[in-house]
N, C-alpha and C. Protein backbone atom coordinates (compact mmCIF):
# COMPACT_ATOMS: atom_id res chain seq x y z
N MET A 1 -106.20 107.98 -75.50
CA MET A 1 -107.10 107.46 -74.49
C MET A 1 -108.35 108.33 -74.47
N ARG A 2 -109.49 107.70 -74.32
CA ARG A 2 -110.76 108.40 -74.31
C ARG A 2 -110.89 109.29 -73.08
N ARG A 3 -111.52 110.46 -73.27
CA ARG A 3 -111.84 111.36 -72.15
C ARG A 3 -113.35 111.42 -72.02
N TYR A 4 -113.85 111.22 -70.82
CA TYR A 4 -115.29 111.22 -70.57
C TYR A 4 -115.75 112.59 -70.10
N ARG A 5 -116.91 112.99 -70.60
CA ARG A 5 -117.59 114.20 -70.11
C ARG A 5 -118.56 113.74 -69.05
N LYS A 6 -118.36 114.17 -67.83
CA LYS A 6 -119.15 113.66 -66.70
C LYS A 6 -120.19 114.68 -66.26
N GLN A 7 -121.23 114.16 -65.64
CA GLN A 7 -122.29 115.01 -65.08
C GLN A 7 -122.54 114.59 -63.65
N ASP A 8 -123.22 115.42 -62.91
CA ASP A 8 -123.56 115.09 -61.52
C ASP A 8 -124.39 113.81 -61.49
N PHE A 9 -124.19 113.04 -60.43
CA PHE A 9 -124.85 111.75 -60.28
C PHE A 9 -125.24 111.61 -58.82
N PRO A 10 -126.42 111.06 -58.52
CA PRO A 10 -126.83 110.92 -57.10
C PRO A 10 -125.89 109.98 -56.34
N VAL A 11 -125.30 110.47 -55.27
CA VAL A 11 -124.36 109.64 -54.50
C VAL A 11 -125.04 108.40 -53.93
N SER A 12 -126.33 108.46 -53.73
CA SER A 12 -127.05 107.29 -53.21
C SER A 12 -127.14 106.16 -54.23
N HIS A 13 -126.75 106.42 -55.48
CA HIS A 13 -126.82 105.40 -56.53
C HIS A 13 -125.45 104.92 -57.01
N ILE A 14 -124.37 105.34 -56.37
CA ILE A 14 -123.05 104.93 -56.86
C ILE A 14 -122.83 103.43 -56.77
N ARG A 15 -123.59 102.75 -55.92
CA ARG A 15 -123.44 101.29 -55.82
C ARG A 15 -123.67 100.61 -57.15
N GLN A 16 -124.46 101.23 -58.03
CA GLN A 16 -124.71 100.67 -59.35
C GLN A 16 -123.41 100.52 -60.14
N LEU A 17 -122.41 101.31 -59.78
CA LEU A 17 -121.14 101.27 -60.49
C LEU A 17 -120.04 100.56 -59.70
N LEU A 18 -120.22 100.42 -58.40
CA LEU A 18 -119.15 99.89 -57.55
C LEU A 18 -119.39 98.52 -56.96
N GLU A 19 -120.54 97.92 -57.16
CA GLU A 19 -120.77 96.61 -56.54
C GLU A 19 -119.54 95.74 -56.76
N PRO A 20 -118.99 95.19 -55.68
CA PRO A 20 -117.67 94.56 -55.75
C PRO A 20 -117.58 93.19 -56.39
N GLY A 21 -118.62 92.43 -56.39
CA GLY A 21 -118.47 91.07 -56.89
C GLY A 21 -119.80 90.41 -57.13
N PRO A 22 -119.79 89.12 -57.34
CA PRO A 22 -121.03 88.44 -57.68
C PRO A 22 -122.01 88.38 -56.51
N ILE A 23 -123.27 88.29 -56.87
CA ILE A 23 -124.30 88.03 -55.87
C ILE A 23 -124.01 86.65 -55.28
N VAL A 24 -124.16 86.52 -53.98
CA VAL A 24 -123.93 85.24 -53.32
C VAL A 24 -125.15 84.86 -52.50
N LEU A 25 -125.25 83.58 -52.19
CA LEU A 25 -126.25 83.08 -51.27
C LEU A 25 -125.52 82.71 -49.98
N VAL A 26 -125.96 83.28 -48.88
CA VAL A 26 -125.33 83.03 -47.58
C VAL A 26 -126.23 82.08 -46.81
N SER A 27 -125.72 80.89 -46.53
CA SER A 27 -126.50 79.92 -45.76
C SER A 27 -126.00 79.92 -44.32
N SER A 28 -126.95 79.71 -43.40
CA SER A 28 -126.63 79.76 -41.98
C SER A 28 -127.42 78.70 -41.23
N ALA A 29 -126.97 78.40 -40.03
CA ALA A 29 -127.66 77.45 -39.16
C ALA A 29 -127.40 77.84 -37.71
N TRP A 30 -128.44 77.72 -36.88
CA TRP A 30 -128.30 78.03 -35.46
C TRP A 30 -129.43 77.36 -34.70
N LYS A 31 -129.07 76.53 -33.73
CA LYS A 31 -130.02 75.86 -32.84
C LYS A 31 -131.18 75.20 -33.60
N GLY A 32 -130.85 74.36 -34.58
CA GLY A 32 -131.84 73.60 -35.31
C GLY A 32 -132.55 74.36 -36.42
N GLN A 33 -132.30 75.63 -36.55
CA GLN A 33 -132.88 76.45 -37.62
C GLN A 33 -131.82 76.68 -38.69
N ARG A 34 -132.27 76.86 -39.93
CA ARG A 34 -131.33 77.23 -40.98
C ARG A 34 -132.02 78.20 -41.93
N ASN A 35 -131.21 78.95 -42.64
CA ASN A 35 -131.75 79.96 -43.55
C ASN A 35 -130.74 80.21 -44.66
N VAL A 36 -131.24 80.87 -45.70
CA VAL A 36 -130.38 81.31 -46.80
C VAL A 36 -130.84 82.70 -47.19
N MET A 37 -129.90 83.56 -47.47
CA MET A 37 -130.20 84.93 -47.89
C MET A 37 -129.35 85.29 -49.10
N THR A 38 -129.84 86.25 -49.86
CA THR A 38 -129.11 86.78 -51.00
C THR A 38 -128.31 87.99 -50.53
N MET A 39 -127.05 88.10 -50.99
CA MET A 39 -126.21 89.22 -50.56
C MET A 39 -125.33 89.69 -51.71
N GLY A 40 -125.12 90.98 -51.79
CA GLY A 40 -124.26 91.55 -52.81
C GLY A 40 -123.11 92.37 -52.24
N TRP A 41 -123.14 92.70 -50.97
CA TRP A 41 -122.11 93.56 -50.40
C TRP A 41 -121.04 92.74 -49.68
N HIS A 42 -119.96 92.45 -50.38
CA HIS A 42 -118.86 91.68 -49.80
C HIS A 42 -117.57 92.08 -50.49
N THR A 43 -116.48 91.77 -49.83
CA THR A 43 -115.17 92.13 -50.38
C THR A 43 -114.09 91.20 -49.86
N VAL A 44 -113.11 90.93 -50.69
CA VAL A 44 -111.92 90.20 -50.26
C VAL A 44 -111.08 91.19 -49.45
N MET A 45 -110.62 90.75 -48.28
CA MET A 45 -109.85 91.64 -47.41
C MET A 45 -108.39 91.21 -47.24
N GLU A 46 -108.14 89.92 -47.37
CA GLU A 46 -106.78 89.40 -47.17
C GLU A 46 -106.69 88.05 -47.86
N PHE A 47 -105.47 87.69 -48.25
CA PHE A 47 -105.27 86.42 -48.94
C PHE A 47 -104.90 85.29 -47.99
N THR A 48 -103.99 85.55 -47.02
CA THR A 48 -103.59 84.54 -46.06
C THR A 48 -103.53 85.15 -44.68
N PRO A 49 -104.42 84.81 -43.77
CA PRO A 49 -105.53 83.89 -44.00
C PRO A 49 -106.53 84.52 -44.97
N SER A 50 -107.35 83.70 -45.57
CA SER A 50 -108.33 84.18 -46.54
C SER A 50 -109.47 84.86 -45.79
N LEU A 51 -109.53 86.19 -45.88
CA LEU A 51 -110.54 86.95 -45.16
C LEU A 51 -111.49 87.64 -46.13
N LEU A 52 -112.79 87.55 -45.81
CA LEU A 52 -113.83 88.22 -46.58
C LEU A 52 -114.62 89.10 -45.62
N GLY A 53 -115.03 90.25 -46.09
CA GLY A 53 -115.89 91.13 -45.31
C GLY A 53 -117.23 91.26 -45.98
N CYS A 54 -118.29 91.42 -45.18
CA CYS A 54 -119.62 91.62 -45.77
C CYS A 54 -120.53 92.35 -44.81
N VAL A 55 -121.54 92.98 -45.39
CA VAL A 55 -122.58 93.64 -44.61
C VAL A 55 -123.82 92.77 -44.64
N ILE A 56 -124.36 92.49 -43.46
CA ILE A 56 -125.64 91.79 -43.33
C ILE A 56 -126.52 92.68 -42.47
N ALA A 57 -127.61 93.16 -43.04
CA ALA A 57 -128.50 94.08 -42.32
C ALA A 57 -129.06 93.43 -41.07
N ALA A 58 -129.10 94.21 -39.99
CA ALA A 58 -129.59 93.69 -38.71
C ALA A 58 -131.05 93.25 -38.79
N GLY A 59 -131.82 93.81 -39.69
CA GLY A 59 -133.22 93.43 -39.84
C GLY A 59 -133.42 92.14 -40.60
N ASN A 60 -132.37 91.61 -41.18
CA ASN A 60 -132.46 90.37 -41.95
C ASN A 60 -132.59 89.19 -40.99
N HIS A 61 -133.46 88.24 -41.33
CA HIS A 61 -133.68 87.06 -40.48
C HIS A 61 -132.38 86.30 -40.21
N SER A 62 -131.47 86.30 -41.16
CA SER A 62 -130.19 85.58 -41.00
C SER A 62 -129.24 86.27 -40.03
N PHE A 63 -129.40 87.56 -39.80
CA PHE A 63 -128.43 88.32 -39.00
C PHE A 63 -128.15 87.69 -37.65
N GLU A 64 -129.19 87.46 -36.85
CA GLU A 64 -128.98 86.90 -35.51
C GLU A 64 -128.43 85.48 -35.56
N MET A 65 -128.91 84.68 -36.52
CA MET A 65 -128.40 83.31 -36.65
C MET A 65 -126.90 83.33 -36.92
N ILE A 66 -126.49 84.21 -37.79
CA ILE A 66 -125.09 84.31 -38.17
C ILE A 66 -124.26 84.92 -37.04
N ARG A 67 -124.79 85.96 -36.42
CA ARG A 67 -124.05 86.60 -35.32
C ARG A 67 -123.84 85.64 -34.16
N ARG A 68 -124.86 84.87 -33.84
CA ARG A 68 -124.76 83.95 -32.70
C ARG A 68 -123.93 82.70 -33.02
N SER A 69 -124.10 82.15 -34.22
CA SER A 69 -123.35 80.94 -34.58
C SER A 69 -121.90 81.25 -34.93
N ARG A 70 -121.66 82.52 -35.36
CA ARG A 70 -120.32 82.98 -35.74
C ARG A 70 -119.78 82.20 -36.94
N GLN A 71 -120.70 81.81 -37.84
CA GLN A 71 -120.29 81.06 -39.02
C GLN A 71 -121.36 81.16 -40.11
N CYS A 72 -120.95 80.84 -41.33
CA CYS A 72 -121.88 80.81 -42.47
C CYS A 72 -121.18 80.15 -43.64
N VAL A 73 -121.95 79.89 -44.70
CA VAL A 73 -121.36 79.44 -45.96
C VAL A 73 -121.72 80.48 -47.01
N ILE A 74 -120.72 80.94 -47.73
CA ILE A 74 -120.93 81.87 -48.84
C ILE A 74 -120.90 81.03 -50.11
N ASN A 75 -122.06 80.97 -50.78
CA ASN A 75 -122.25 80.14 -51.98
C ASN A 75 -122.35 81.05 -53.20
N ILE A 76 -121.67 80.69 -54.29
CA ILE A 76 -121.70 81.51 -55.50
C ILE A 76 -122.54 80.83 -56.58
N PRO A 77 -123.71 81.41 -56.89
CA PRO A 77 -124.56 80.85 -57.95
C PRO A 77 -124.14 81.38 -59.32
N GLU A 78 -124.60 80.69 -60.36
CA GLU A 78 -124.39 81.16 -61.73
C GLU A 78 -125.68 81.77 -62.26
N VAL A 79 -125.60 82.32 -63.45
CA VAL A 79 -126.71 83.07 -64.05
C VAL A 79 -127.99 82.24 -64.16
N GLU A 80 -127.89 80.94 -64.31
CA GLU A 80 -129.08 80.09 -64.42
C GLU A 80 -129.96 80.18 -63.17
N MET A 81 -129.38 80.59 -62.06
CA MET A 81 -130.13 80.70 -60.80
C MET A 81 -130.61 82.13 -60.53
N ALA A 82 -130.49 83.03 -61.48
CA ALA A 82 -130.78 84.46 -61.23
C ALA A 82 -132.18 84.69 -60.67
N GLU A 83 -133.19 84.08 -61.26
CA GLU A 83 -134.55 84.30 -60.76
C GLU A 83 -134.72 83.72 -59.36
N THR A 84 -134.17 82.56 -59.11
CA THR A 84 -134.26 81.96 -57.77
C THR A 84 -133.54 82.82 -56.75
N VAL A 85 -132.35 83.30 -57.10
CA VAL A 85 -131.57 84.15 -56.21
C VAL A 85 -132.36 85.41 -55.87
N THR A 86 -133.02 86.00 -56.86
CA THR A 86 -133.82 87.20 -56.64
C THR A 86 -135.00 86.90 -55.73
N ARG A 87 -135.67 85.79 -55.97
CA ARG A 87 -136.82 85.41 -55.13
C ARG A 87 -136.38 85.12 -53.69
N ILE A 88 -135.24 84.48 -53.52
CA ILE A 88 -134.72 84.22 -52.18
C ILE A 88 -134.50 85.54 -51.44
N GLY A 89 -134.00 86.53 -52.15
CA GLY A 89 -133.73 87.83 -51.54
C GLY A 89 -134.96 88.68 -51.30
N ASN A 90 -136.09 88.27 -51.82
CA ASN A 90 -137.32 89.06 -51.68
C ASN A 90 -138.37 88.38 -50.83
N CYS A 91 -137.93 87.54 -49.91
CA CYS A 91 -138.83 86.94 -48.93
C CYS A 91 -138.04 86.71 -47.65
N SER A 92 -138.72 86.40 -46.58
CA SER A 92 -138.06 86.23 -45.29
C SER A 92 -138.09 84.78 -44.81
N GLY A 93 -136.94 84.34 -44.34
CA GLY A 93 -136.84 83.01 -43.75
C GLY A 93 -137.60 82.91 -42.43
N ALA A 94 -138.03 84.03 -41.89
CA ALA A 94 -138.86 84.01 -40.69
C ALA A 94 -140.27 83.52 -41.03
N GLU A 95 -140.65 83.62 -42.31
CA GLU A 95 -141.99 83.25 -42.74
C GLU A 95 -142.05 81.93 -43.50
N ILE A 96 -140.97 81.56 -44.18
CA ILE A 96 -140.96 80.31 -44.97
C ILE A 96 -139.61 79.61 -44.84
N ASP A 97 -139.61 78.32 -45.14
CA ASP A 97 -138.37 77.55 -45.25
C ASP A 97 -137.89 77.74 -46.69
N LYS A 98 -136.92 78.59 -46.88
CA LYS A 98 -136.45 78.91 -48.23
C LYS A 98 -135.85 77.71 -48.94
N PHE A 99 -135.23 76.80 -48.21
CA PHE A 99 -134.65 75.62 -48.84
C PHE A 99 -135.75 74.78 -49.49
N ALA A 100 -136.85 74.59 -48.77
CA ALA A 100 -137.98 73.82 -49.31
C ALA A 100 -138.70 74.60 -50.41
N GLU A 101 -138.96 75.87 -50.15
CA GLU A 101 -139.70 76.71 -51.10
C GLU A 101 -139.03 76.78 -52.47
N PHE A 102 -137.70 76.83 -52.49
CA PHE A 102 -136.97 77.00 -53.74
C PHE A 102 -136.26 75.73 -54.21
N GLY A 103 -136.53 74.61 -53.55
CA GLY A 103 -135.97 73.34 -53.96
C GLY A 103 -134.45 73.29 -53.91
N LEU A 104 -133.88 73.88 -52.86
CA LEU A 104 -132.42 73.94 -52.73
C LEU A 104 -131.89 72.70 -52.02
N ALA A 105 -131.24 71.84 -52.78
CA ALA A 105 -130.57 70.68 -52.18
C ALA A 105 -129.30 71.16 -51.51
N THR A 106 -128.95 70.52 -50.40
CA THR A 106 -127.76 70.94 -49.65
C THR A 106 -126.88 69.74 -49.33
N THR A 107 -125.65 70.06 -49.00
CA THR A 107 -124.68 69.08 -48.53
C THR A 107 -124.12 69.62 -47.22
N GLU A 108 -123.87 68.72 -46.29
CA GLU A 108 -123.31 69.11 -45.01
C GLU A 108 -121.90 69.65 -45.20
N ALA A 109 -121.60 70.74 -44.52
CA ALA A 109 -120.25 71.31 -44.54
C ALA A 109 -119.33 70.43 -43.69
N SER A 110 -118.04 70.54 -43.93
CA SER A 110 -117.10 69.70 -43.18
C SER A 110 -116.51 70.40 -41.95
N GLU A 111 -116.52 71.74 -41.93
CA GLU A 111 -115.89 72.48 -40.83
C GLU A 111 -116.88 73.24 -39.95
N ILE A 112 -118.07 73.50 -40.48
CA ILE A 112 -119.06 74.30 -39.75
C ILE A 112 -120.44 73.64 -39.86
N SER A 113 -121.46 74.25 -39.24
CA SER A 113 -122.78 73.62 -39.24
C SER A 113 -123.73 74.13 -40.33
N ALA A 114 -123.44 75.25 -40.96
CA ALA A 114 -124.31 75.76 -42.04
C ALA A 114 -124.13 74.89 -43.29
N PRO A 115 -125.20 74.73 -44.10
CA PRO A 115 -125.11 73.84 -45.27
C PRO A 115 -124.52 74.50 -46.52
N LEU A 116 -123.93 73.65 -47.38
CA LEU A 116 -123.49 74.07 -48.71
C LEU A 116 -124.70 73.95 -49.63
N ILE A 117 -124.85 74.84 -50.58
CA ILE A 117 -125.95 74.77 -51.55
C ILE A 117 -125.42 74.09 -52.80
N ASP A 118 -125.99 72.91 -53.11
CA ASP A 118 -125.49 72.07 -54.21
C ASP A 118 -125.57 72.73 -55.58
N ALA A 119 -126.56 73.58 -55.82
CA ALA A 119 -126.74 74.20 -57.14
C ALA A 119 -125.76 75.34 -57.40
N CYS A 120 -124.96 75.69 -56.40
CA CYS A 120 -123.99 76.79 -56.57
C CYS A 120 -122.64 76.25 -57.01
N HIS A 121 -121.98 77.02 -57.85
CA HIS A 121 -120.67 76.66 -58.40
C HIS A 121 -119.61 76.50 -57.31
N SER A 122 -119.66 77.40 -56.32
CA SER A 122 -118.65 77.43 -55.27
C SER A 122 -119.31 77.65 -53.92
N SER A 123 -118.71 77.08 -52.88
CA SER A 123 -119.19 77.27 -51.51
C SER A 123 -117.99 77.42 -50.60
N PHE A 124 -118.02 78.48 -49.78
CA PHE A 124 -116.91 78.77 -48.86
C PHE A 124 -117.40 78.70 -47.42
N GLU A 125 -116.87 77.76 -46.67
CA GLU A 125 -117.21 77.65 -45.26
C GLU A 125 -116.45 78.74 -44.51
N CYS A 126 -117.17 79.53 -43.71
CA CYS A 126 -116.57 80.68 -43.05
C CYS A 126 -116.81 80.68 -41.55
N ARG A 127 -115.79 81.11 -40.82
CA ARG A 127 -115.91 81.35 -39.37
C ARG A 127 -115.62 82.82 -39.12
N LEU A 128 -116.34 83.38 -38.15
CA LEU A 128 -116.16 84.79 -37.84
C LEU A 128 -114.73 85.02 -37.35
N HIS A 129 -114.04 85.92 -38.01
CA HIS A 129 -112.65 86.23 -37.69
C HIS A 129 -112.58 87.47 -36.80
N ASP A 130 -113.45 88.45 -37.08
CA ASP A 130 -113.41 89.71 -36.34
C ASP A 130 -114.83 90.29 -36.32
N SER A 131 -115.33 90.58 -35.14
CA SER A 131 -116.68 91.13 -34.99
C SER A 131 -116.68 92.59 -34.55
N ALA A 132 -115.54 93.25 -34.59
CA ALA A 132 -115.42 94.62 -34.08
C ALA A 132 -116.36 95.61 -34.77
N LEU A 133 -116.72 95.36 -36.01
CA LEU A 133 -117.56 96.31 -36.76
C LEU A 133 -119.02 95.87 -36.89
N VAL A 134 -119.37 94.74 -36.27
CA VAL A 134 -120.73 94.22 -36.40
C VAL A 134 -121.75 95.14 -35.74
N ASP A 135 -121.53 95.54 -34.50
CA ASP A 135 -122.52 96.36 -33.80
C ASP A 135 -122.70 97.73 -34.45
N LYS A 136 -121.63 98.33 -34.91
CA LYS A 136 -121.72 99.69 -35.47
C LYS A 136 -122.17 99.70 -36.93
N TYR A 137 -121.64 98.76 -37.75
CA TYR A 137 -121.89 98.80 -39.20
C TYR A 137 -122.52 97.54 -39.78
N ASN A 138 -122.81 96.53 -38.96
CA ASN A 138 -123.30 95.23 -39.45
C ASN A 138 -122.28 94.59 -40.40
N PHE A 139 -121.01 94.88 -40.17
CA PHE A 139 -119.94 94.41 -41.05
C PHE A 139 -119.22 93.24 -40.37
N PHE A 140 -119.29 92.08 -41.01
CA PHE A 140 -118.67 90.86 -40.51
C PHE A 140 -117.38 90.61 -41.27
N ILE A 141 -116.34 90.18 -40.56
CA ILE A 141 -115.10 89.78 -41.22
C ILE A 141 -114.94 88.28 -40.99
N TRP A 142 -114.94 87.54 -42.10
CA TRP A 142 -114.92 86.07 -42.08
C TRP A 142 -113.57 85.53 -42.50
N GLU A 143 -113.20 84.39 -41.92
CA GLU A 143 -112.08 83.61 -42.43
C GLU A 143 -112.67 82.41 -43.16
N VAL A 144 -112.26 82.23 -44.40
CA VAL A 144 -112.69 81.05 -45.15
C VAL A 144 -111.84 79.90 -44.64
N VAL A 145 -112.50 78.90 -44.05
CA VAL A 145 -111.77 77.76 -43.47
C VAL A 145 -111.80 76.53 -44.38
N LYS A 146 -112.68 76.54 -45.38
CA LYS A 146 -112.75 75.43 -46.35
C LYS A 146 -113.45 75.96 -47.60
N ALA A 147 -112.89 75.66 -48.76
CA ALA A 147 -113.48 76.10 -50.03
C ALA A 147 -113.82 74.88 -50.88
N HIS A 148 -115.01 74.89 -51.46
CA HIS A 148 -115.49 73.83 -52.36
C HIS A 148 -115.82 74.49 -53.69
N VAL A 149 -115.13 74.09 -54.76
CA VAL A 149 -115.33 74.73 -56.07
C VAL A 149 -115.46 73.66 -57.14
N ALA A 150 -116.47 73.80 -58.00
CA ALA A 150 -116.65 72.86 -59.11
C ALA A 150 -115.48 72.98 -60.09
N ARG A 151 -115.10 71.85 -60.68
CA ARG A 151 -114.00 71.87 -61.66
C ARG A 151 -114.34 72.64 -62.91
N THR A 152 -115.60 72.56 -63.32
CA THR A 152 -116.04 73.29 -64.50
C THR A 152 -117.36 73.99 -64.20
N PRO A 153 -117.60 75.13 -64.80
CA PRO A 153 -116.68 75.84 -65.67
C PRO A 153 -115.59 76.54 -64.85
N LYS A 154 -114.46 76.76 -65.48
CA LYS A 154 -113.36 77.45 -64.79
C LYS A 154 -113.71 78.91 -64.50
N ARG A 155 -114.47 79.50 -65.38
CA ARG A 155 -114.92 80.88 -65.22
C ARG A 155 -116.46 80.90 -65.22
N PRO A 156 -117.05 80.73 -64.04
CA PRO A 156 -118.52 80.67 -63.98
C PRO A 156 -119.16 82.00 -64.40
N ARG A 157 -120.35 81.90 -64.97
CA ARG A 157 -121.10 83.09 -65.39
C ARG A 157 -121.91 83.57 -64.19
N THR A 158 -121.27 84.38 -63.35
CA THR A 158 -121.89 84.89 -62.13
C THR A 158 -122.73 86.12 -62.44
N ILE A 159 -123.63 86.44 -61.50
CA ILE A 159 -124.48 87.61 -61.66
C ILE A 159 -124.07 88.68 -60.67
N HIS A 160 -124.16 89.93 -61.12
CA HIS A 160 -123.71 91.08 -60.34
C HIS A 160 -124.84 92.11 -60.31
N TYR A 161 -125.22 92.55 -59.13
CA TYR A 161 -126.35 93.46 -58.99
C TYR A 161 -125.94 94.89 -59.33
N ARG A 162 -126.77 95.57 -60.12
CA ARG A 162 -126.50 96.94 -60.53
C ARG A 162 -127.45 97.93 -59.88
N GLY A 163 -128.35 97.46 -59.02
CA GLY A 163 -129.34 98.33 -58.39
C GLY A 163 -130.59 98.42 -59.25
N GLY A 164 -131.69 98.78 -58.63
CA GLY A 164 -132.95 98.97 -59.34
C GLY A 164 -133.47 97.72 -60.03
N GLY A 165 -133.12 96.54 -59.53
CA GLY A 165 -133.59 95.29 -60.12
C GLY A 165 -132.81 94.84 -61.34
N ALA A 166 -131.71 95.54 -61.66
CA ALA A 166 -130.90 95.21 -62.85
C ALA A 166 -129.64 94.45 -62.43
N PHE A 167 -129.28 93.47 -63.24
CA PHE A 167 -128.08 92.67 -63.02
C PHE A 167 -127.22 92.70 -64.27
N MET A 168 -125.96 92.37 -64.11
CA MET A 168 -125.12 92.09 -65.27
C MET A 168 -124.50 90.71 -65.05
N VAL A 169 -124.09 90.09 -66.12
CA VAL A 169 -123.53 88.75 -66.06
C VAL A 169 -122.04 88.85 -66.35
N ALA A 170 -121.23 88.15 -65.54
CA ALA A 170 -119.80 88.12 -65.81
C ALA A 170 -119.61 87.64 -67.24
N GLY A 171 -118.78 88.32 -67.96
CA GLY A 171 -118.66 88.00 -69.38
C GLY A 171 -117.24 87.72 -69.82
N GLU A 172 -116.92 88.28 -70.93
CA GLU A 172 -115.64 88.05 -71.58
C GLU A 172 -114.49 88.42 -70.64
N GLY A 173 -113.49 87.61 -70.61
CA GLY A 173 -112.30 87.89 -69.81
C GLY A 173 -111.13 88.27 -70.70
N ILE A 174 -110.19 88.97 -70.12
CA ILE A 174 -108.94 89.28 -70.83
C ILE A 174 -107.79 88.91 -69.91
N SER A 175 -106.68 88.52 -70.49
CA SER A 175 -105.50 88.18 -69.70
C SER A 175 -104.43 89.24 -69.92
N LEU A 176 -103.94 89.80 -68.83
CA LEU A 176 -102.85 90.77 -68.88
C LEU A 176 -101.67 90.28 -68.03
N LYS A 177 -101.52 88.96 -67.96
CA LYS A 177 -100.46 88.36 -67.16
C LYS A 177 -99.08 88.89 -67.54
N ARG A 178 -98.91 89.18 -68.81
CA ARG A 178 -97.60 89.65 -69.29
C ARG A 178 -97.18 90.96 -68.63
N LEU A 179 -98.12 91.71 -68.09
CA LEU A 179 -97.82 93.00 -67.47
C LEU A 179 -97.51 92.90 -65.97
N PHE A 180 -97.76 91.72 -65.39
CA PHE A 180 -97.56 91.54 -63.95
C PHE A 180 -96.22 90.91 -63.65
N ARG A 181 -95.63 91.34 -62.55
CA ARG A 181 -94.47 90.63 -62.03
C ARG A 181 -94.98 89.38 -61.34
N ARG A 182 -94.25 88.31 -61.42
CA ARG A 182 -94.68 87.00 -60.90
C ARG A 182 -95.18 87.08 -59.45
N GLU A 183 -94.52 87.84 -58.59
CA GLU A 183 -94.91 87.91 -57.18
C GLU A 183 -96.22 88.66 -56.95
N TYR A 184 -96.72 89.35 -57.97
CA TYR A 184 -97.99 90.08 -57.84
C TYR A 184 -99.16 89.33 -58.45
N LEU A 185 -98.93 88.17 -59.05
CA LEU A 185 -100.02 87.37 -59.59
C LEU A 185 -100.67 86.70 -58.44
């Protein structure tokens, strides 16, 4: 097995190595307003019920809409949307209608009021499950109450933020099912 020679690294940059999953678009709606934001800080917390955690900065235009409505849709784009996803994340919904600006077609959700983004491979309707960490850390814990996933591709080419404007694309997969006990799959 390979042994790495390591050097000191700025702790403020470790996110470049630890980002947990694909960049997502979070859509929200509150009192006739709607918005979409780009987000990279999220994590699966539980399988049943299906719980996701994420950080949404208090300064973000979506923060109050999401906190007050207690719901959102987490949409997963593929690599073809990388430039649009970046542009969405680099402007404010307080100044423009991002859906119109970026030509984002939407579909009404079935369980909540925030819209699904049609150009995304997957969309998860979420309701706030636990708000205990919102005031202190801007950390929301969501329960996915409805999931919408395209049949193909089975393994979407998602984008993952590495910091400093750099992304990586989900790539080659490997299967190690033979090493798992059935109850751990």
